[in-house]
C-alpha atoms as a PDB file:
ATOM      1  CA  UNK A   1     -13.431  -6.666 -28.290  1.00  0.00           C
ATOM      2  CA  UNK A   2     -11.643  -9.766 -29.560  1.00  0.00           C
ATOM      3  CA  UNK A   3     -12.374 -13.050 -27.814  1.00  0.00           C
ATOM      4  CA  UNK A   4     -15.816 -12.112 -26.461  1.00  0.00           C
ATOM      5  CA  UNK A   5     -17.925 -14.462 -28.567  1.00  0.00           C
ATOM      6  CA  UNK A   6     -19.255 -17.594 -26.936  1.00  0.00           C
ATOM      7  CA  UNK A   7     -20.449 -18.491 -23.436  1.00  0.00           C
ATOM      8  CA  UNK A   8     -19.672 -17.884 -19.785  1.00  0.00           C
ATOM      9  CA  UNK A   9     -20.638 -19.903 -16.722  1.00  0.00           C
ATOM     10  CA  UNK A  10     -22.713 -18.609 -13.846  1.00  0.00           C
ATOM     11  CA  UNK A  11     -22.265 -20.833 -10.789  1.00  0.00           C
ATOM     12  CA  UNK A  12     -25.001 -21.411  -8.253  1.00  0.00           C
ATOM     13  CA  UNK A  13     -22.512 -20.424  -5.568  1.00  0.00           C
ATOM     14  CA  UNK A  14     -23.238 -16.863  -6.571  1.00  0.00           C
ATOM     15  CA  UNK A  15     -26.375 -17.086  -4.441  1.00  0.00           C
ATOM     16  CA  UNK A  16     -24.135 -17.449  -1.369  1.00  0.00           C
ATOM     17  CA  UNK A  17     -21.998 -14.453  -2.340  1.00  0.00           C
ATOM     18  CA  UNK A  18     -22.165 -11.194  -0.341  1.00  0.00           C
ATOM     19  CA  UNK A  19     -23.211  -9.395  -3.546  1.00  0.00           C
ATOM     20  CA  UNK A  20     -26.364 -11.511  -3.989  1.00  0.00           C
ATOM     21  CA  UNK A  21     -28.530  -9.129  -1.959  1.00  0.00           C
ATOM     22  CA  UNK A  22     -27.717  -6.257  -4.322  1.00  0.00           C
ATOM     23  CA  UNK A  23     -29.329  -6.922  -7.754  1.00  0.00           C
ATOM     24  CA  UNK A  24     -27.491  -4.043  -9.413  1.00  0.00           C
ATOM     25  CA  UNK A  25     -24.147  -5.292  -8.134  1.00  0.00           C
ATOM     26  CA  UNK A  26     -24.937  -8.820  -9.368  1.00  0.00           C
ATOM     27  CA  UNK A  27     -25.794  -7.289 -12.732  1.00  0.00           C
ATOM     28  CA  UNK A  28     -22.460  -5.417 -12.741  1.00  0.00           C
ATOM     29  CA  UNK A  29     -20.568  -8.598 -11.828  1.00  0.00           C
ATOM     30  CA  UNK A  30     -22.132 -10.519 -14.715  1.00  0.00           C
ATOM     31  CA  UNK A  31     -21.243  -7.612 -17.000  1.00  0.00           C
ATOM     32  CA  UNK A  32     -17.607  -7.959 -15.854  1.00  0.00           C
ATOM     33  CA  UNK A  33     -17.658 -11.670 -16.687  1.00  0.00           C
ATOM     34  CA  UNK A  34     -19.006 -10.878 -20.148  1.00  0.00           C
ATOM     35  CA  UNK A  35     -16.281  -8.274 -20.743  1.00  0.00           C
ATOM     36  CA  UNK A  36     -13.456 -10.667 -19.861  1.00  0.00           C
ATOM     37  CA  UNK A  37     -11.532 -12.167 -22.757  1.00  0.00           C
ATOM     38  CA  UNK A  38     -11.733 -15.927 -23.202  1.00  0.00           C
ATOM     39  CA  UNK A  39      -8.399 -16.240 -25.017  1.00  0.00           C
ATOM     40  CA  UNK A  40      -5.035 -14.505 -24.952  1.00  0.00           C
ATOM     41  CA  UNK A  41      -4.441 -11.755 -27.478  1.00  0.00           C
ATOM     42  CA  UNK A  42      -2.889  -8.322 -27.897  1.00  0.00           C
ATOM     43  CA  UNK A  43      -4.768  -5.037 -27.980  1.00  0.00           C
ATOM     44  CA  UNK A  44      -3.789  -1.425 -28.554  1.00  0.00           C
ATOM     45  CA  UNK A  45      -4.587   1.086 -25.783  1.00  0.00           C
ATOM     46  CA  UNK A  46      -3.526   4.713 -26.168  1.00  0.00           C
ATOM     47  CA  UNK A  47      -0.686   3.732 -28.465  1.00  0.00           C
ATOM     48  CA  UNK A  48       0.528   0.920 -26.233  1.00  0.00           C
ATOM     49  CA  UNK A  49       0.328  -2.789 -27.037  1.00  0.00           C
ATOM     50  CA  UNK A  50      -1.217  -4.670 -24.136  1.00  0.00           C
ATOM     51  CA  UNK A  51      -0.988  -8.453 -23.843  1.00  0.00           C
ATOM     52  CA  UNK A  52      -4.352  -9.653 -22.604  1.00  0.00           C
ATOM     53  CA  UNK A  53      -4.843 -12.970 -20.820  1.00  0.00           C
ATOM     54  CA  UNK A  54      -8.042 -14.986 -20.462  1.00  0.00           C
ATOM     55  CA  UNK A  55     -10.215 -13.434 -17.752  1.00  0.00           C
ATOM     56  CA  UNK A  56      -8.930  -9.891 -18.238  1.00  0.00           C
ATOM     57  CA  UNK A  57     -10.466  -6.719 -19.651  1.00  0.00           C
ATOM     58  CA  UNK A  58      -9.719  -3.011 -19.829  1.00  0.00           C
ATOM     59  CA  UNK A  59     -11.911  -0.977 -17.502  1.00  0.00           C
ATOM     60  CA  UNK A  60     -12.877   2.667 -17.869  1.00  0.00           C
ATOM     61  CA  UNK A  61     -15.561   4.233 -15.718  1.00  0.00           C
ATOM     62  CA  UNK A  62     -17.059   6.310 -18.540  1.00  0.00           C
ATOM     63  CA  UNK A  63     -17.230   3.380 -20.934  1.00  0.00           C
ATOM     64  CA  UNK A  64     -18.539   1.053 -18.205  1.00  0.00           C
ATOM     65  CA  UNK A  65     -21.212   3.569 -17.197  1.00  0.00           C
ATOM     66  CA  UNK A  66     -22.344   3.924 -20.793  1.00  0.00           C
ATOM     67  CA  UNK A  67     -22.541   0.179 -21.392  1.00  0.00           C
ATOM     68  CA  UNK A  68     -24.217  -0.733 -18.097  1.00  0.00           C
ATOM     69  CA  UNK A  69     -26.499   2.345 -17.909  1.00  0.00           C
ATOM     70  CA  UNK A  70     -25.192   2.961 -14.398  1.00  0.00           C
ATOM     71  CA  UNK A  71     -23.605   6.160 -13.103  1.00  0.00           C
ATOM     72  CA  UNK A  72     -19.853   6.656 -13.296  1.00  0.00           C
ATOM     73  CA  UNK A  73     -19.543   6.886  -9.524  1.00  0.00           C
ATOM     74  CA  UNK A  74     -21.610   3.692  -9.193  1.00  0.00           C
ATOM     75  CA  UNK A  75     -19.472   1.578 -11.526  1.00  0.00           C
ATOM     76  CA  UNK A  76     -16.313   2.881  -9.873  1.00  0.00           C
ATOM     77  CA  UNK A  77     -17.644   2.013  -6.415  1.00  0.00           C
ATOM     78  CA  UNK A  78     -18.748  -1.417  -7.614  1.00  0.00           C
ATOM     79  CA  UNK A  79     -15.385  -2.320  -9.150  1.00  0.00           C
ATOM     80  CA  UNK A  80     -13.684  -1.295  -5.913  1.00  0.00           C
ATOM     81  CA  UNK A  81     -16.116  -3.405  -3.912  1.00  0.00           C
ATOM     82  CA  UNK A  82     -15.530  -6.457  -6.112  1.00  0.00           C
ATOM     83  CA  UNK A  83     -11.808  -5.984  -5.544  1.00  0.00           C
ATOM     84  CA  UNK A  84     -12.302  -5.863  -1.776  1.00  0.00           C
ATOM     85  CA  UNK A  85     -14.306  -9.093  -2.009  1.00  0.00           C
ATOM     86  CA  UNK A  86     -11.371 -10.623  -3.934  1.00  0.00           C
ATOM     87  CA  UNK A  87     -13.559 -11.302  -6.971  1.00  0.00           C
ATOM     88  CA  UNK A  88     -11.340  -9.137  -9.219  1.00  0.00           C
ATOM     89  CA  UNK A  89      -7.849  -7.674  -9.223  1.00  0.00           C
ATOM     90  CA  UNK A  90      -7.043  -4.255 -10.655  1.00  0.00           C
ATOM     91  CA  UNK A  91      -3.870  -2.911 -12.183  1.00  0.00           C
ATOM     92  CA  UNK A  92      -4.192   0.854 -12.401  1.00  0.00           C
ATOM     93  CA  UNK A  93      -1.926   3.302 -14.217  1.00  0.00           C
ATOM     94  CA  UNK A  94      -2.306   6.688 -15.866  1.00  0.00           C
ATOM     95  CA  UNK A  95      -3.323   5.167 -19.215  1.00  0.00           C
ATOM     96  CA  UNK A  96      -5.800   2.411 -18.339  1.00  0.00           C
ATOM     97  CA  UNK A  97      -7.096   0.015 -15.673  1.00  0.00           C
ATOM     98  CA  UNK A  98      -6.562  -3.686 -16.262  1.00  0.00           C
ATOM     99  CA  UNK A  99      -9.123  -5.857 -14.461  1.00  0.00           C
ATOM    100  CA  UNK A 100      -8.519  -9.568 -13.907  1.00  0.00           C
ATOM    101  CA  UNK A 101     -11.307 -11.924 -12.831  1.00  0.00           C
ATOM    102  CA  UNK A 102     -10.024 -13.975  -9.867  1.00  0.00           C
ATOM    103  CA  UNK A 103     -10.051 -17.756 -10.430  1.00  0.00           C
ATOM    104  CA  UNK A 104     -11.131 -17.309 -14.028  1.00  0.00           C
ATOM    105  CA  UNK A 105      -9.577 -20.590 -15.170  1.00  0.00           C
ATOM    106  CA  UNK A 106     -11.038 -22.441 -12.192  1.00  0.00           C
ATOM    107  CA  UNK A 107     -14.596 -21.423 -13.013  1.00  0.00           C
ATOM    108  CA  UNK A 108     -14.401 -20.642 -16.745  1.00  0.00           C
ATOM    109  CA  UNK A 109     -11.302 -22.504 -17.926  1.00  0.00           C
ATOM    110  CA  UNK A 110     -12.904 -25.363 -19.839  1.00  0.00           C
ATOM    111  CA  UNK A 111     -15.365 -22.951 -21.436  1.00  0.00           C
ATOM    112  CA  UNK A 112     -12.481 -21.733 -23.629  1.00  0.00           C
ATOM    113  CA  UNK A 113     -12.300 -25.184 -25.236  1.00  0.00           C
ATOM    114  CA  UNK A 114     -16.085 -25.310 -25.610  1.00  0.00           C
ATOM    115  CA  UNK A 115     -16.166 -21.886 -27.252  1.00  0.00           C
ATOM    116  CA  UNK A 116     -13.332 -22.863 -29.585  1.00  0.00           C
ATOM    117  CA  UNK A 117     -15.207 -26.000 -30.649  1.00  0.00           C
ATOM    118  CA  UNK A 118     -18.415 -24.030 -31.139  1.00  0.00           C
ATOM    119  CA  UNK A 119     -16.641 -21.447 -33.277  1.00  0.00           C
ATOM    120  CA  UNK A 120     -15.204 -24.248 -35.441  1.00  0.00           C
ATOM    121  CA  UNK A 121     -18.648 -25.800 -35.897  1.00  0.00           C
ATOM    122  CA  UNK A 122     -20.188 -22.405 -36.689  1.00  0.00           C
ATOM    123  CA  UNK A 123     -17.486 -21.764 -39.301  1.00  0.00           C
ATOM    124  CA  UNK A 124     -18.060 -25.184 -40.899  1.00  0.00           C
ATOM    125  CA  UNK A 125     -21.832 -24.665 -40.839  1.00  0.00           C
ATOM    126  CA  UNK A 126     -21.506 -21.210 -42.402  1.00  0.00           C
ATOM    127  CA  UNK A 127     -19.248 -22.605 -45.141  1.00  0.00           C
ATOM    128  CA  UNK A 128     -21.798 -25.340 -45.867  1.00  0.00           C
ATOM    129  CA  UNK A 129     -24.652 -22.810 -46.064  1.00  0.00           C
ATOM    130  CA  UNK A 130     -22.645 -20.623 -48.444  1.00  0.00           C
ATOM    131  CA  UNK A 131     -21.913 -23.639 -50.665  1.00  0.00           C
ATOM    132  CA  UNK A 132     -25.629 -24.495 -50.776  1.00  0.00           C
ATOM    133  CA  UNK A 133     -26.456 -20.907 -51.726  1.00  0.00           C
ATOM    134  CA  UNK A 134     -23.920 -21.027 -54.563  1.00  0.00           C
ATOM    135  CA  UNK A 135     -25.449 -24.259 -55.862  1.00  0.00           C
ATOM    136  CA  UNK A 136     -28.942 -22.773 -55.708  1.00  0.00           C
ATOM    137  CA  UNK A 137     -27.783 -19.625 -57.514  1.00  0.00           C
ATOM    138  CA  UNK A 138     -26.823 -21.778 -60.490  1.00  0.00           C
ATOM    139  CA  UNK A 139     -30.530 -22.699 -60.839  1.00  0.00           C
ATOM    140  CA  UNK A 140     -30.308 -26.379 -61.802  1.00  0.00           C
ATOM    141  CA  UNK A 141     -34.060 -26.389 -62.563  1.00  0.00           C
ATOM    142  CA  UNK A 142     -33.544 -23.746 -65.218  1.00  0.00           C
ATOM    143  CA  UNK A 143     -30.728 -25.739 -66.808  1.00  0.00           C
ATOM    144  CA  UNK A 144     -32.873 -28.887 -66.875  1.00  0.00           C
ATOM    145  CA  UNK A 145     -35.736 -26.951 -68.423  1.00  0.00           C
ATOM    146  CA  UNK A 146     -33.471 -25.547 -71.126  1.00  0.00           C
ATOM    147  CA  UNK A 147     -32.193 -29.014 -71.984  1.00  0.00           C
ATOM    148  CA  UNK A 148     -35.782 -30.260 -72.215  1.00  0.00           C
ATOM    149  CA  UNK A 149     -36.722 -27.409 -74.582  1.00  0.00           C
ATOM    150  CA  UNK A 150     -33.667 -28.131 -76.713  1.00  0.00           C
ATOM    151  CA  UNK A 151     -34.738 -31.771 -77.042  1.00  0.00           C
ATOM    152  CA  UNK A 152     -38.216 -30.677 -78.148  1.00  0.00           C
ATOM    153  CA  UNK A 153     -36.759 -28.367 -80.842  1.00  0.00           C
ATOM    154  CA  UNK A 154     -34.461 -31.112 -82.147  1.00  0.00           C
ATOM    155  CA  UNK A 155     -37.387 -33.520 -82.175  1.00  0.00           C
ATOM    156  CA  UNK A 156     -39.470 -31.031 -84.198  1.00  0.00           C
ATOM    157  CA  UNK A 157     -36.672 -30.605 -86.725  1.00  0.00           C
ATOM    158  CA  UNK A 158     -36.342 -34.366 -87.105  1.00  0.00           C
ATOM    159  CA  UNK A 159     -40.102 -34.763 -87.575  1.00  0.00           C
ATOM    160  CA  UNK A 160     -40.226 -32.052 -90.256  1.00  0.00           C
ATOM    161  CA  UNK A 161     -37.280 -33.582 -92.106  1.00  0.00           C
ATOM    162  CA  UNK A 162     -38.864 -37.035 -92.022  1.00  0.00           C
ATOM    163  CA  UNK A 163     -42.184 -35.626 -93.240  1.00  0.00           C
ATOM    164  CA  UNK A 164     -40.524 -33.921 -96.196  1.00  0.00           C
ATOM    165  CA  UNK A 165     -38.614 -37.063 -97.109  1.00  0.00           C
ATOM    166  CA  UNK A 166     -41.700 -39.279 -96.974  1.00  0.00           C
ATOM    167  CA  UNK A 167     -44.039 -37.136 -99.065  1.00  0.00           C
ATOM    168  CA  UNK A 168     -41.522 -35.791-101.554  1.00  0.00           C
ATOM    169  CA  UNK A 169     -42.862 -32.922-103.580  1.00  0.00           C
ATOM    170  CA  UNK A 170     -46.549 -33.553-102.881  1.00  0.00           C
ATOM    171  CA  UNK A 171     -48.533 -30.808-101.246  1.00  0.00           C
ATOM    172  CA  UNK A 172     -49.472 -31.587 -97.694  1.00  0.00           C
ATOM    173  CA  UNK A 173     -50.081 -29.971 -94.340  1.00  0.00           C
ATOM    174  CA  UNK A 174     -47.190 -29.989 -91.885  1.00  0.00           C
ATOM    175  CA  UNK A 175     -47.234 -32.374 -88.885  1.00  0.00           C
ATOM    176  CA  UNK A 176     -49.500 -31.457 -85.989  1.00  0.00           C
ATOM    177  CA  UNK A 177     -47.901 -29.264 -83.352  1.00  0.00           C
ATOM    178  CA  UNK A 178     -45.005 -28.164 -85.566  1.00  0.00           C
ATOM    179  CA  UNK A 179     -44.579 -24.406 -85.774  1.00  0.00           C
ATOM    180  CA  UNK A 180     -42.972 -23.836 -89.163  1.00  0.00           C
ATOM    181  CA  UNK A 181     -42.563 -20.141 -88.522  1.00  0.00           C
ATOM    182  CA  UNK A 182     -40.323 -20.862 -85.563  1.00  0.00           C
ATOM    183  CA  UNK A 183     -36.816 -19.392 -85.909  1.00  0.00           C
ATOM    184  CA  UNK A 184     -35.489 -22.967 -85.698  1.00  0.00           C
ATOM    185  CA  UNK A 185     -37.004 -23.800 -89.114  1.00  0.00           C
ATOM    186  CA  UNK A 186     -37.044 -20.371 -90.737  1.00  0.00           C
ATOM    187  CA  UNK A 187     -35.021 -21.643 -93.695  1.00  0.00           C
ATOM    188  CA  UNK A 188     -37.919 -23.843 -94.850  1.00  0.00           C
ATOM    189  CA  UNK A 189     -40.036 -22.248 -97.652  1.00  0.00           C
ATOM    190  CA  UNK A 190     -43.378 -20.882 -96.385  1.00  0.00           C
ATOM    191  CA  UNK A 191     -45.969 -18.630 -98.042  1.00  0.00           C
ATOM    192  CA  UNK A 192     -47.207 -15.297 -96.711  1.00  0.00           C
ATOM    193  CA  UNK A 193     -49.872 -17.078 -94.621  1.00  0.00           C
ATOM    194  CA  UNK A 194     -47.260 -19.204 -92.924  1.00  0.00           C
ATOM    195  CA  UNK A 195     -48.138 -22.419 -94.794  1.00  0.00           C
ATOM    196  CA  UNK A 196     -45.340 -24.675 -95.873  1.00  0.00           C
ATOM    197  CA  UNK A 197     -44.798 -24.810 -99.651  1.00  0.00           C
ATOM    198  CA  UNK A 198     -44.509 -28.447-100.630  1.00  0.00           C
ATOM    199  CA  UNK A 199     -42.921 -28.359-104.093  1.00  0.00           C
ATOM    200  CA  UNK A 200     -43.332 -25.778-106.853  1.00  0.00           C
ATOM    201  CA  UNK A 201     -46.586 -23.827-106.931  1.00  0.00           C
ATOM    202  CA  UNK A 202     -47.997 -22.046-109.928  1.00  0.00           C
END
């Protein structure tokens, strides 16, 4: 049901209510408060568009019995009793029963603003979490590591080129730590043992 996220208030005055001595009736009353919408909206009931106001909900004894785990006759008796105690009003027709919590705005009115603010904060927080997840999915550590490896390869190429230039055609061993069989330097002449050929060999 739309508009049911958020909070409701339970006032301490409930302890002075005639229903306080009946735990199951108190439970049913709290269930009614939870069912009530906290903002106006429209809903579709049996092909009819119903304009719902804050503090209202559609009541059906079968649905209420299923949700509360109470018998159908019990929930029907309880809703009638709450009406007699002027805690709810009922509008009954052949299609549905519209229940209105009496004094909803008096006891729950400002909670609508609180719930609206909370929903805004939750939306902003969720957006921030999603943005962080997207950033993490790009794996900045992996990108940094790749750049570091690229620098090492370029450094190796530079070292090999400088070594060749310095020693000319003389035979010599390649610089320490340089893998001449690496694909990055595969154009350099090497023998079948992987040794670099420094000049012409007979």
